[in-house]
Amino acid sequence: MSDNWIVQSLEKALNSWDNALVSIQNILTTSPKNYQDGAIWNAIVSVNETLQTIGYGLLVVFFLVGVIKTCGSIAEVKKPEHALKLFIRFILAKAAIGSSLEILSAFMDVAHGIMQTILGTSAITSESAIPAEIITAIEDCGFLDSIPLWIVAFLGRLVVTVIAFVLILTAYGRFFKIYTYIALAPIPMSAFAGEPTQNVGKSFINSFAGACLQGAIIAISCIIFSLYASSPPTVDVDASAVTMAWSYMESLILNMLIMAFTVKASDHVVREMMGL
């Protein structure tokens, strides 16, 4: 590492970015069941099992609402074909509540397998480095000439740190969103008991699938950026040190912002792709 404060500041900014990408990869490749040695997962399972009781109570309510709204009279309910249809719906809704953990775990495992396949094909490996020409130009600057470089280094480090924080926050946000869906699953699952309320259950399943697949978009975005960052940027050796440093950070931050925007919009992208 260079002894120059400006170079060190820029290198620390890039190191924080690389560490953020490593953290994101670790989050994406870790199953929610194994995170924190499974302590969180065990707590979520307990909440899910506790809420099943409430889910069964809502099951009866939604079932009666469905019967009232879909049947014109008691005589219609007594028809064998209609009674059988209502009975099957009730049984399936009850099974969905009792097996909500297993159903959502299956979705989660499929999405986790997709992410592992993506990252197995091309891992997120970013080792950003300041071009040697820029380091030499900065180290050769005098005190007065280095003042603008301090501003560039400070702003560059601040912006990179903020973007890295936003990316990690988004990745963790998806992680804990999955926990929330699984914990509360028995309640929306009970809506399948009634035909008028079944859209609530369908919307819940679609939203959970979107949250699971959101990780795939995040992984692809990180891979694209890491491949870009591995390509050495074009440096105008005839320009001043301030111009070279500013152009380099401007190009780097622009691509970081594009990646951050893609990651933040990953949930929306998944919904558009899958029609959720």
C-alpha atoms as a PDB file:
ATOM      1  CA  MET A   1       0.000   0.000   0.000  1.00  0.00           C
ATOM      2  CA  SER A   2       1.236   3.500  -0.851  1.00  0.00           C
ATOM      3  CA  ASP A   3       2.354   5.879   1.909  1.00  0.00           C
ATOM      4  CA  ASN A   4       0.358   8.697   0.323  1.00  0.00           C
ATOM      5  CA  TRP A   5      -2.795   9.587   2.286  1.00  0.00           C
ATOM      6  CA  ILE A   6      -4.859  10.246  -0.843  1.00  0.00           C
ATOM      7  CA  VAL A   7      -3.943   6.913  -2.415  1.00  0.00           C
ATOM      8  CA  GLN A   8      -4.607   5.128   0.866  1.00  0.00           C
ATOM      9  CA  SER A   9      -8.045   6.750   1.123  1.00  0.00           C
ATOM     10  CA  LEU A  10      -8.978   5.662  -2.402  1.00  0.00           C
ATOM     11  CA  GLU A  11      -7.651   2.155  -1.803  1.00  0.00           C
ATOM     12  CA  LYS A  12      -9.650   1.850   1.431  1.00  0.00           C
ATOM     13  CA  ALA A  13     -12.771   2.910  -0.463  1.00  0.00           C
ATOM     14  CA  LEU A  14     -12.189   0.163  -3.023  1.00  0.00           C
ATOM     15  CA  ASN A  15     -11.450  -2.346  -0.252  1.00  0.00           C
ATOM     16  CA  SER A  16     -14.745  -1.512   1.459  1.00  0.00           C
ATOM     17  CA  TRP A  17     -16.504  -2.075  -1.862  1.00  0.00           C
ATOM     18  CA  ASP A  18     -14.795  -5.430  -2.388  1.00  0.00           C
ATOM     19  CA  ASN A  19     -15.715  -6.449   1.162  1.00  0.00           C
ATOM     20  CA  ALA A  20     -19.330  -5.477   0.450  1.00  0.00           C
ATOM     21  CA  LEU A  21     -19.416  -7.737  -2.610  1.00  0.00           C
ATOM     22  CA  VAL A  22     -17.942 -10.592  -0.584  1.00  0.00           C
ATOM     23  CA  SER A  23     -20.583 -10.055   2.108  1.00  0.00           C
ATOM     24  CA  ILE A  24     -23.342 -10.080  -0.503  1.00  0.00           C
ATOM     25  CA  GLN A  25     -22.039 -13.338  -1.979  1.00  0.00           C
ATOM     26  CA  ASN A  26     -21.948 -14.895   1.482  1.00  0.00           C
ATOM     27  CA  ILE A  27     -25.535 -13.800   2.100  1.00  0.00           C
ATOM     28  CA  LEU A  28     -26.741 -15.166  -1.236  1.00  0.00           C
ATOM     29  CA  THR A  29     -25.004 -18.509  -0.822  1.00  0.00           C
ATOM     30  CA  THR A  30     -26.201 -19.009   2.754  1.00  0.00           C
ATOM     31  CA  SER A  31     -29.526 -20.717   3.268  1.00  0.00           C
ATOM     32  CA  PRO A  32     -31.899 -18.966   5.709  1.00  0.00           C
ATOM     33  CA  LYS A  33     -32.056 -22.289   7.533  1.00  0.00           C
ATOM     34  CA  ASN A  34     -28.322 -22.144   8.309  1.00  0.00           C
ATOM     35  CA  TYR A  35     -27.903 -18.417   8.947  1.00  0.00           C
ATOM     36  CA  GLN A  36     -26.597 -17.674  12.452  1.00  0.00           C
ATOM     37  CA  ASP A  37     -26.312 -21.446  13.033  1.00  0.00           C
ATOM     38  CA  GLY A  38     -30.059 -21.829  12.500  1.00  0.00           C
ATOM     39  CA  ALA A  39     -31.037 -19.814  15.584  1.00  0.00           C
ATOM     40  CA  ILE A  40     -33.210 -17.392  13.606  1.00  0.00           C
ATOM     41  CA  TRP A  41     -34.743 -20.206  11.573  1.00  0.00           C
ATOM     42  CA  ASN A  42     -35.732 -22.103  14.719  1.00  0.00           C
ATOM     43  CA  ALA A  43     -37.428 -18.985  16.080  1.00  0.00           C
ATOM     44  CA  ILE A  44     -39.282 -18.462  12.776  1.00  0.00           C
ATOM     45  CA  VAL A  45     -40.441 -22.081  12.790  1.00  0.00           C
ATOM     46  CA  SER A  46     -41.798 -21.624  16.305  1.00  0.00           C
ATOM     47  CA  VAL A  47     -43.717 -18.498  15.253  1.00  0.00           C
ATOM     48  CA  ASN A  48     -45.109 -20.314  12.220  1.00  0.00           C
ATOM     49  CA  GLU A  49     -46.304 -23.232  14.320  1.00  0.00           C
ATOM     50  CA  THR A  50     -47.865 -20.888  16.875  1.00  0.00           C
ATOM     51  CA  LEU A  51     -49.735 -18.911  14.207  1.00  0.00           C
ATOM     52  CA  GLN A  52     -51.189 -22.089  12.722  1.00  0.00           C
ATOM     53  CA  THR A  53     -53.802 -22.004  15.475  1.00  0.00           C
ATOM     54  CA  ILE A  54     -54.894 -18.544  14.368  1.00  0.00           C
ATOM     55  CA  GLY A  55     -54.761 -19.726  10.780  1.00  0.00           C
ATOM     56  CA  TYR A  56     -57.193 -22.543  11.496  1.00  0.00           C
ATOM     57  CA  GLY A  57     -59.560 -20.065  13.131  1.00  0.00           C
ATOM     58  CA  LEU A  58     -59.415 -17.801  10.087  1.00  0.00           C
ATOM     59  CA  LEU A  59     -59.871 -20.871   7.905  1.00  0.00           C
ATOM     60  CA  VAL A  60     -63.384 -21.345   9.293  1.00  0.00           C
ATOM     61  CA  VAL A  61     -64.185 -17.642   8.899  1.00  0.00           C
ATOM     62  CA  PHE A  62     -63.009 -17.458   5.284  1.00  0.00           C
ATOM     63  CA  PHE A  63     -64.755 -20.743   4.499  1.00  0.00           C
ATOM     64  CA  LEU A  64     -68.097 -19.469   5.819  1.00  0.00           C
ATOM     65  CA  VAL A  65     -67.650 -16.177   3.951  1.00  0.00           C
ATOM     66  CA  GLY A  66     -67.001 -18.135   0.783  1.00  0.00           C
ATOM     67  CA  VAL A  67     -70.087 -20.302   1.305  1.00  0.00           C
ATOM     68  CA  ILE A  68     -72.292 -17.270   1.903  1.00  0.00           C
ATOM     69  CA  LYS A  69     -71.050 -15.367  -1.125  1.00  0.00           C
ATOM     70  CA  THR A  70     -70.963 -18.262  -3.592  1.00  0.00           C
ATOM     71  CA  CYS A  71     -74.133 -20.107  -2.594  1.00  0.00           C
ATOM     72  CA  GLY A  72     -77.536 -18.599  -3.222  1.00  0.00           C
ATOM     73  CA  SER A  73     -79.366 -20.806  -0.736  1.00  0.00           C
ATOM     74  CA  ILE A  74     -79.024 -23.705   1.684  1.00  0.00           C
ATOM     75  CA  ALA A  75     -80.451 -26.004  -0.939  1.00  0.00           C
ATOM     76  CA  GLU A  76     -77.527 -25.246  -3.219  1.00  0.00           C
ATOM     77  CA  VAL A  77     -75.077 -26.211  -0.494  1.00  0.00           C
ATOM     78  CA  LYS A  78     -76.811 -29.567  -0.128  1.00  0.00           C
ATOM     79  CA  LYS A  79     -76.115 -30.476  -3.748  1.00  0.00           C
ATOM     80  CA  PRO A  80     -73.540 -33.302  -3.723  1.00  0.00           C
ATOM     81  CA  GLU A  81     -71.285 -31.790  -6.395  1.00  0.00           C
ATOM     82  CA  HIS A  82     -71.245 -28.383  -4.683  1.00  0.00           C
ATOM     83  CA  ALA A  83     -70.787 -29.848  -1.206  1.00  0.00           C
ATOM     84  CA  LEU A  84     -67.901 -31.982  -2.475  1.00  0.00           C
ATOM     85  CA  LYS A  85     -66.264 -28.925  -4.021  1.00  0.00           C
ATOM     86  CA  LEU A  86     -66.537 -27.004  -0.747  1.00  0.00           C
ATOM     87  CA  PHE A  87     -65.242 -29.978   1.240  1.00  0.00           C
ATOM     88  CA  ILE A  88     -62.190 -30.386  -1.016  1.00  0.00           C
ATOM     89  CA  ARG A  89     -61.429 -26.658  -0.808  1.00  0.00           C
ATOM     90  CA  PHE A  90     -61.642 -26.771   2.986  1.00  0.00           C
ATOM     91  CA  ILE A  91     -59.352 -29.802   3.230  1.00  0.00           C
ATOM     92  CA  LEU A  92     -56.778 -28.316   0.833  1.00  0.00           C
ATOM     93  CA  ALA A  93     -56.774 -24.990   2.663  1.00  0.00           C
ATOM     94  CA  LYS A  94     -56.299 -26.760   5.987  1.00  0.00           C
ATOM     95  CA  ALA A  95     -53.415 -28.758   4.513  1.00  0.00           C
ATOM     96  CA  ALA A  96     -51.875 -25.546   3.145  1.00  0.00           C
ATOM     97  CA  ILE A  97     -51.893 -24.007   6.626  1.00  0.00           C
ATOM     98  CA  GLY A  98     -50.418 -27.079   8.291  1.00  0.00           C
ATOM     99  CA  SER A  99     -47.795 -27.515   5.564  1.00  0.00           C
ATOM    100  CA  SER A 100     -47.068 -23.809   4.982  1.00  0.00           C
ATOM    101  CA  LEU A 101     -43.522 -24.202   6.297  1.00  0.00           C
ATOM    102  CA  GLU A 102     -42.780 -27.118   3.965  1.00  0.00           C
ATOM    103  CA  ILE A 103     -44.389 -25.411   0.954  1.00  0.00           C
ATOM    104  CA  LEU A 104     -42.438 -22.177   1.358  1.00  0.00           C
ATOM    105  CA  SER A 105     -39.244 -24.081   2.171  1.00  0.00           C
ATOM    106  CA  ALA A 106     -39.566 -25.854  -1.176  1.00  0.00           C
ATOM    107  CA  PHE A 107     -39.794 -22.492  -2.969  1.00  0.00           C
ATOM    108  CA  MET A 108     -36.826 -21.234  -0.970  1.00  0.00           C
ATOM    109  CA  ASP A 109     -34.686 -24.295  -1.724  1.00  0.00           C
ATOM    110  CA  VAL A 110     -35.346 -24.008  -5.462  1.00  0.00           C
ATOM    111  CA  ALA A 111     -34.383 -20.313  -5.460  1.00  0.00           C
ATOM    112  CA  HIS A 112     -31.278 -21.075  -3.381  1.00  0.00           C
ATOM    113  CA  GLY A 113     -30.272 -23.745  -5.908  1.00  0.00           C
ATOM    114  CA  ILE A 114     -30.697 -21.231  -8.738  1.00  0.00           C
ATOM    115  CA  MET A 115     -28.408 -18.737  -6.982  1.00  0.00           C
ATOM    116  CA  GLN A 116     -25.789 -21.395  -6.279  1.00  0.00           C
ATOM    117  CA  THR A 117     -25.846 -22.392  -9.951  1.00  0.00           C
ATOM    118  CA  ILE A 118     -25.413 -18.766 -11.050  1.00  0.00           C
ATOM    119  CA  LEU A 119     -22.567 -18.085  -8.621  1.00  0.00           C
ATOM    120  CA  GLY A 120     -20.998 -21.456  -9.423  1.00  0.00           C
ATOM    121  CA  THR A 121     -20.841 -20.473 -13.088  1.00  0.00           C
ATOM    122  CA  SER A 122     -19.237 -17.095 -12.404  1.00  0.00           C
ATOM    123  CA  ALA A 123     -18.446 -16.081  -8.847  1.00  0.00           C
ATOM    124  CA  ILE A 124     -18.491 -12.505  -7.562  1.00  0.00           C
ATOM    125  CA  THR A 125     -14.771 -11.766  -7.471  1.00  0.00           C
ATOM    126  CA  SER A 126     -13.928  -8.097  -7.427  1.00  0.00           C
ATOM    127  CA  GLU A 127     -10.412  -6.949  -6.661  1.00  0.00           C
ATOM    128  CA  SER A 128     -10.570  -3.317  -7.691  1.00  0.00           C
ATOM    129  CA  ALA A 129      -7.228  -1.564  -7.914  1.00  0.00           C
ATOM    130  CA  ILE A 130      -6.217   1.977  -8.730  1.00  0.00           C
ATOM    131  CA  PRO A 131      -4.192   2.114 -11.976  1.00  0.00           C
ATOM    132  CA  ALA A 132      -0.452   2.545 -11.398  1.00  0.00           C
ATOM    133  CA  GLU A 133      -0.396   5.671 -13.579  1.00  0.00           C
ATOM    134  CA  ILE A 134      -2.865   7.440 -11.274  1.00  0.00           C
ATOM    135  CA  ILE A 135      -0.945   6.402  -8.148  1.00  0.00           C
ATOM    136  CA  THR A 136       2.300   7.749  -9.602  1.00  0.00           C
ATOM    137  CA  ALA A 137       0.671  11.031 -10.640  1.00  0.00           C
ATOM    138  CA  ILE A 138      -0.859  11.528  -7.173  1.00  0.00           C
ATOM    139  CA  GLU A 139       2.404  10.763  -5.367  1.00  0.00           C
ATOM    140  CA  ASP A 140       4.279  13.276  -7.550  1.00  0.00           C
ATOM    141  CA  CYS A 141       1.915  16.134  -6.668  1.00  0.00           C
ATOM    142  CA  GLY A 142       3.014  18.942  -4.394  1.00  0.00           C
ATOM    143  CA  PHE A 143       1.105  20.106  -1.325  1.00  0.00           C
ATOM    144  CA  LEU A 144      -0.980  22.777  -3.052  1.00  0.00           C
ATOM    145  CA  ASP A 145      -1.694  20.589  -6.073  1.00  0.00           C
ATOM    146  CA  SER A 146      -2.825  17.759  -3.798  1.00  0.00           C
ATOM    147  CA  ILE A 147      -5.609  19.802  -2.137  1.00  0.00           C
ATOM    148  CA  PRO A 148      -8.151  19.109  -4.923  1.00  0.00           C
ATOM    149  CA  LEU A 149      -7.121  15.458  -4.735  1.00  0.00           C
ATOM    150  CA  TRP A 150      -8.061  15.391  -1.041  1.00  0.00           C
ATOM    151  CA  ILE A 151     -11.546  16.523  -1.986  1.00  0.00           C
ATOM    152  CA  VAL A 152     -11.779  13.864  -4.719  1.00  0.00           C
ATOM    153  CA  ALA A 153     -10.568  11.160  -2.309  1.00  0.00           C
ATOM    154  CA  PHE A 154     -12.946  12.238   0.458  1.00  0.00           C
ATOM    155  CA  LEU A 155     -16.017  12.457  -1.791  1.00  0.00           C
ATOM    156  CA  GLY A 156     -15.115   9.247  -3.603  1.00  0.00           C
ATOM    157  CA  ARG A 157     -14.688   7.298  -0.368  1.00  0.00           C
ATOM    158  CA  LEU A 158     -17.928   8.709   1.052  1.00  0.00           C
ATOM    159  CA  VAL A 159     -19.995   7.855  -2.039  1.00  0.00           C
ATOM    160  CA  VAL A 160     -18.512   4.359  -2.394  1.00  0.00           C
ATOM    161  CA  THR A 161     -19.162   3.618   1.292  1.00  0.00           C
ATOM    162  CA  VAL A 162     -22.790   4.756   1.019  1.00  0.00           C
ATOM    163  CA  ILE A 163     -23.414   2.670  -2.112  1.00  0.00           C
ATOM    164  CA  ALA A 164     -21.811  -0.388  -0.511  1.00  0.00           C
ATOM    165  CA  PHE A 165     -24.009   0.088   2.570  1.00  0.00           C
ATOM    166  CA  VAL A 166     -27.144   0.319   0.407  1.00  0.00           C
ATOM    167  CA  LEU A 167     -26.236  -2.917  -1.412  1.00  0.00           C
ATOM    168  CA  ILE A 168     -25.622  -4.850   1.799  1.00  0.00           C
ATOM    169  CA  LEU A 169     -28.814  -3.444   3.302  1.00  0.00           C
ATOM    170  CA  THR A 170     -30.806  -4.580   0.243  1.00  0.00           C
ATOM    171  CA  ALA A 171     -29.340  -8.086   0.384  1.00  0.00           C
ATOM    172  CA  TYR A 172     -30.048  -8.418   4.099  1.00  0.00           C
ATOM    173  CA  GLY A 173     -33.496  -6.890   3.598  1.00  0.00           C
ATOM    174  CA  ARG A 174     -34.395  -9.676   1.169  1.00  0.00           C
ATOM    175  CA  PHE A 175     -33.061 -12.225   3.636  1.00  0.00           C
ATOM    176  CA  PHE A 176     -35.240 -11.041   6.504  1.00  0.00           C
ATOM    177  CA  LYS A 177     -38.220 -10.500   4.206  1.00  0.00           C
ATOM    178  CA  ILE A 178     -38.157 -14.255   3.579  1.00  0.00           C
ATOM    179  CA  TYR A 179     -38.152 -14.886   7.330  1.00  0.00           C
ATOM    180  CA  THR A 180     -41.189 -12.629   7.737  1.00  0.00           C
ATOM    181  CA  TYR A 181     -43.126 -14.380   4.976  1.00  0.00           C
ATOM    182  CA  ILE A 182     -42.452 -17.811   6.477  1.00  0.00           C
ATOM    183  CA  ALA A 183     -43.329 -16.728  10.017  1.00  0.00           C
ATOM    184  CA  LEU A 184     -46.702 -15.244   9.011  1.00  0.00           C
ATOM    185  CA  ALA A 185     -47.535 -17.837   6.328  1.00  0.00           C
ATOM    186  CA  PRO A 186     -50.476 -19.559   8.135  1.00  0.00           C
ATOM    187  CA  ILE A 187     -52.524 -16.348   8.152  1.00  0.00           C
ATOM    188  CA  PRO A 188     -52.588 -15.573   4.396  1.00  0.00           C
ATOM    189  CA  MET A 189     -52.697 -19.290   3.592  1.00  0.00           C
ATOM    190  CA  SER A 190     -56.040 -19.515   5.400  1.00  0.00           C
ATOM    191  CA  ALA A 191     -57.548 -17.242   2.734  1.00  0.00           C
ATOM    192  CA  PHE A 192     -57.582 -20.187   0.311  1.00  0.00           C
ATOM    193  CA  ALA A 193     -60.590 -21.534   2.227  1.00  0.00           C
ATOM    194  CA  GLY A 194     -62.963 -19.122   0.493  1.00  0.00           C
ATOM    195  CA  GLU A 195     -63.280 -18.487  -3.213  1.00  0.00           C
ATOM    196  CA  PRO A 196     -63.759 -14.697  -2.746  1.00  0.00           C
ATOM    197  CA  THR A 197     -60.613 -14.478  -0.572  1.00  0.00           C
ATOM    198  CA  GLN A 198     -58.336 -16.904  -2.406  1.00  0.00           C
ATOM    199  CA  ASN A 199     -56.590 -14.036  -4.209  1.00  0.00           C
ATOM    200  CA  VAL A 200     -55.009 -13.078  -0.877  1.00  0.00           C
ATOM    201  CA  GLY A 201     -53.301 -16.472  -0.719  1.00  0.00           C
ATOM    202  CA  LYS A 202     -52.262 -16.316  -4.373  1.00  0.00           C
ATOM    203  CA  SER A 203     -50.790 -12.840  -3.895  1.00  0.00           C
ATOM    204  CA  PHE A 204     -48.857 -14.074  -0.855  1.00  0.00           C
ATOM    205  CA  ILE A 205     -47.352 -17.012  -2.774  1.00  0.00           C
ATOM    206  CA  ASN A 206     -46.431 -14.760  -5.710  1.00  0.00           C
ATOM    207  CA  SER A 207     -44.791 -12.211  -3.425  1.00  0.00           C
ATOM    208  CA  PHE A 208     -42.790 -14.892  -1.630  1.00  0.00           C
ATOM    209  CA  ALA A 209     -41.611 -16.380  -4.931  1.00  0.00           C
ATOM    210  CA  GLY A 210     -40.546 -12.899  -6.025  1.00  0.00           C
ATOM    211  CA  ALA A 211     -38.577 -12.364  -2.808  1.00  0.00           C
ATOM    212  CA  CYS A 212     -36.790 -15.693  -3.302  1.00  0.00           C
ATOM    213  CA  LEU A 213     -35.874 -15.012  -6.938  1.00  0.00           C
ATOM    214  CA  GLN A 214     -34.769 -11.484  -6.091  1.00  0.00           C
ATOM    215  CA  GLY A 215     -31.454 -12.981  -5.000  1.00  0.00           C
ATOM    216  CA  ALA A 216     -30.804 -14.236  -8.537  1.00  0.00           C
ATOM    217  CA  ILE A 217     -31.059 -10.690  -9.936  1.00  0.00           C
ATOM    218  CA  ILE A 218     -28.740  -9.416  -7.200  1.00  0.00           C
ATOM    219  CA  ALA A 219     -26.213 -12.157  -7.986  1.00  0.00           C
ATOM    220  CA  ILE A 220     -26.261 -11.440 -11.727  1.00  0.00           C
ATOM    221  CA  SER A 221     -25.848  -7.689 -11.121  1.00  0.00           C
ATOM    222  CA  CYS A 222     -22.838  -8.282  -8.869  1.00  0.00           C
ATOM    223  CA  ILE A 223     -21.259 -10.659 -11.400  1.00  0.00           C
ATOM    224  CA  ILE A 224     -21.646  -8.145 -14.227  1.00  0.00           C
ATOM    225  CA  PHE A 225     -20.027  -5.391 -12.174  1.00  0.00           C
ATOM    226  CA  SER A 226     -17.198  -7.613 -10.915  1.00  0.00           C
ATOM    227  CA  LEU A 227     -16.351  -8.539 -14.514  1.00  0.00           C
ATOM    228  CA  TYR A 228     -16.389  -4.896 -15.486  1.00  0.00           C
ATOM    229  CA  ALA A 229     -14.200  -3.916 -12.535  1.00  0.00           C
ATOM    230  CA  SER A 230     -11.634  -6.550 -13.496  1.00  0.00           C
ATOM    231  CA  SER A 231     -11.016  -4.721 -16.818  1.00  0.00           C
ATOM    232  CA  PRO A 232      -8.380  -1.976 -16.473  1.00  0.00           C
ATOM    233  CA  PRO A 233      -9.795   1.489 -17.207  1.00  0.00           C
ATOM    234  CA  THR A 234      -8.374   3.788 -19.854  1.00  0.00           C
ATOM    235  CA  VAL A 235      -6.091   6.401 -18.304  1.00  0.00           C
ATOM    236  CA  ASP A 236      -5.025   9.620 -20.030  1.00  0.00           C
ATOM    237  CA  VAL A 237      -1.401   9.850 -18.920  1.00  0.00           C
ATOM    238  CA  ASP A 238      -1.093  13.366 -20.365  1.00  0.00           C
ATOM    239  CA  ALA A 239      -3.801  14.751 -18.061  1.00  0.00           C
ATOM    240  CA  SER A 240      -3.229  16.186 -14.594  1.00  0.00           C
ATOM    241  CA  ALA A 241      -3.415  14.005 -11.489  1.00  0.00           C
ATOM    242  CA  VAL A 242      -6.723  15.616 -10.463  1.00  0.00           C
ATOM    243  CA  THR A 243      -8.250  14.958 -13.884  1.00  0.00           C
ATOM    244  CA  MET A 244      -7.065  11.342 -13.922  1.00  0.00           C
ATOM    245  CA  ALA A 245      -8.292  10.646 -10.395  1.00  0.00           C
ATOM    246  CA  TRP A 246     -11.625  12.361 -10.986  1.00  0.00           C
ATOM    247  CA  SER A 247     -12.235  10.564 -14.308  1.00  0.00           C
ATOM    248  CA  TYR A 248     -11.404   7.217 -12.742  1.00  0.00           C
ATOM    249  CA  MET A 249     -13.668   7.708  -9.721  1.00  0.00           C
ATOM    250  CA  GLU A 250     -16.436   9.172 -11.883  1.00  0.00           C
ATOM    251  CA  SER A 251     -16.452   6.105 -14.143  1.00  0.00           C
ATOM    252  CA  LEU A 252     -16.239   3.722 -11.189  1.00  0.00           C
ATOM    253  CA  ILE A 253     -19.000   5.423  -9.190  1.00  0.00           C
ATOM    254  CA  LEU A 254     -21.271   5.618 -12.247  1.00  0.00           C
ATOM    255  CA  ASN A 255     -21.105   1.848 -12.687  1.00  0.00           C
ATOM    256  CA  MET A 256     -21.566   1.341  -8.951  1.00  0.00           C
ATOM    257  CA  LEU A 257     -24.703   3.482  -9.075  1.00  0.00           C
ATOM    258  CA  ILE A 258     -26.041   1.497 -12.034  1.00  0.00           C
ATOM    259  CA  MET A 259     -25.415  -1.725 -10.147  1.00  0.00           C
ATOM    260  CA  ALA A 260     -27.003  -0.298  -6.977  1.00  0.00           C
ATOM    261  CA  PHE A 261     -30.076   0.784  -8.950  1.00  0.00           C
ATOM    262  CA  THR A 262     -30.391  -2.695 -10.495  1.00  0.00           C
ATOM    263  CA  VAL A 263     -30.068  -4.359  -7.097  1.00  0.00           C
ATOM    264  CA  LYS A 264     -32.618  -2.008  -5.502  1.00  0.00           C
ATOM    265  CA  ALA A 265     -35.020  -2.662  -8.397  1.00  0.00           C
ATOM    266  CA  SER A 266     -34.415  -6.427  -8.395  1.00  0.00           C
ATOM    267  CA  ASP A 267     -37.784  -7.151  -6.790  1.00  0.00           C
ATOM    268  CA  HIS A 268     -39.575  -5.146  -9.496  1.00  0.00           C
ATOM    269  CA  VAL A 269     -37.496  -6.835 -12.219  1.00  0.00           C
ATOM    270  CA  VAL A 270     -38.452 -10.296 -10.962  1.00  0.00           C
ATOM    271  CA  ARG A 271     -42.135  -9.379 -10.908  1.00  0.00           C
ATOM    272  CA  GLU A 272     -41.961  -8.115 -14.497  1.00  0.00           C
ATOM    273  CA  MET A 273     -40.038 -11.163 -15.727  1.00  0.00           C
ATOM    274  CA  MET A 274     -42.273 -13.736 -14.043  1.00  0.00           C
ATOM    275  CA  GLY A 275     -45.540 -11.824 -14.366  1.00  0.00           C
ATOM    276  CA  LEU A 276     -46.020 -11.901 -10.592  1.00  0.00           C
END
